[in-house]
Amino acid sequence: MYPVDRHSPARQLCIKKTFVMKTKISISGLWSRLPLMLRAILTGFGVSSVGVSLWSVMLAALPGLWPILPMIPILWLFWKFFSGRFGSSEGSIVRRESFRLTKLPRPAWKWGLAGAGLFVITVQASFVITFRLVDFPVAKFTADYKQLDTFPLWQAFAIIIMSSIVAAIAEETGFRGYMQAPLEKRYGTATAIVVTSVVFTAIHLSHSWAPPIWPHILFASVLLGILAYRTGSLIPGIIGHAILDVFDYSVWWTDLTGGFQKRTIFQTGIDLHFMVWVLLFAIALLGFFRVIFKLKSNGAKQSFRVAATT
């Protein structure tokens, strides 16, 4: 036999492949030794950050409405990959489970969409009630979005709509999907929703508008977590989240609609405006949980069975 030349290209390529394989195995082993809760939190945050960060880069790099055009195919690829439509069979199964379902039975669609609408009304009503009790912090709420005031109104709303869609898809996929879903299996639904909501709230505290309304963020996250679990799908939550953000950008975070002008009830007294919003909040919240009751308690498991047969 002839001696093997250790410096030959073939030998060097083999060494590199072996090194890469060992490195991957080492990283995989280290990752698998982390507690599931930590892995779920890191994965969920990472998935969410991918979509949000790409949109932020587009907004910073491109003028006017140009960020919207490349973001459309990026969102499509994001959806396809993280829903398990791309990639290896083993990896796609894991991603599909984390993304939950995209095909739902008709009752789940009906009640899920009703829950999404009632979620939006409940959270918006909670904002109005809050800012009839305390002064609306205009400076903090609008500080992050002054750039939108420089655009024509129609352009500003186009960017608001795309921003809301990106945030809804990325955050629901990351938090209610890749973070909450595996936690449900290990620790139970209540723990999964609470942990996910605490992390979701903490991440949002980087925004100037978030600290004054952190209970609202936590409350909204809990409702979205319940909706995702009971429907077995992220889609109703994505729809509700996107609509909520459109309202938030338009009414609370910018001056595009004139801002919130009402004074607190300690200055005006309890008036019809305040009573109507309190009543609307109560009705919407009760309606939301009525919808949740309509969705069977094992809705997620049933939806998985339905999807498996389609």
Foldseek 3Di string as FASTA:
>chain_A
DDDDDCPDPVNVVVVVVVVVVVVVVVVVVVLVPDDPLVNLLVQLVVQLCVLLVLLVVLPVPDDFLVSVVVSVVVVVVSCCVQCLVDDDPVVSVVSVLLQFDPDAPPLLVVLLLLLLVLLLLLLVLVVVLVCLAPPQPQCLQAVVPPVLVPDPLVSSLVSLLSSLLSNLSRNLSRQLGSRLRVCCVVPNLVVSQQSSLVSQLVVVVVRSPRPVPSVSSSVSSSSLNLSCQLSRHSVSSSVSSSVNSSCCVCEGHHCSVPHDDDYHCVVVPDDPVNVVSVVSNVVSVVSSVVSSVVRDPNNSVVRVVVVVVD
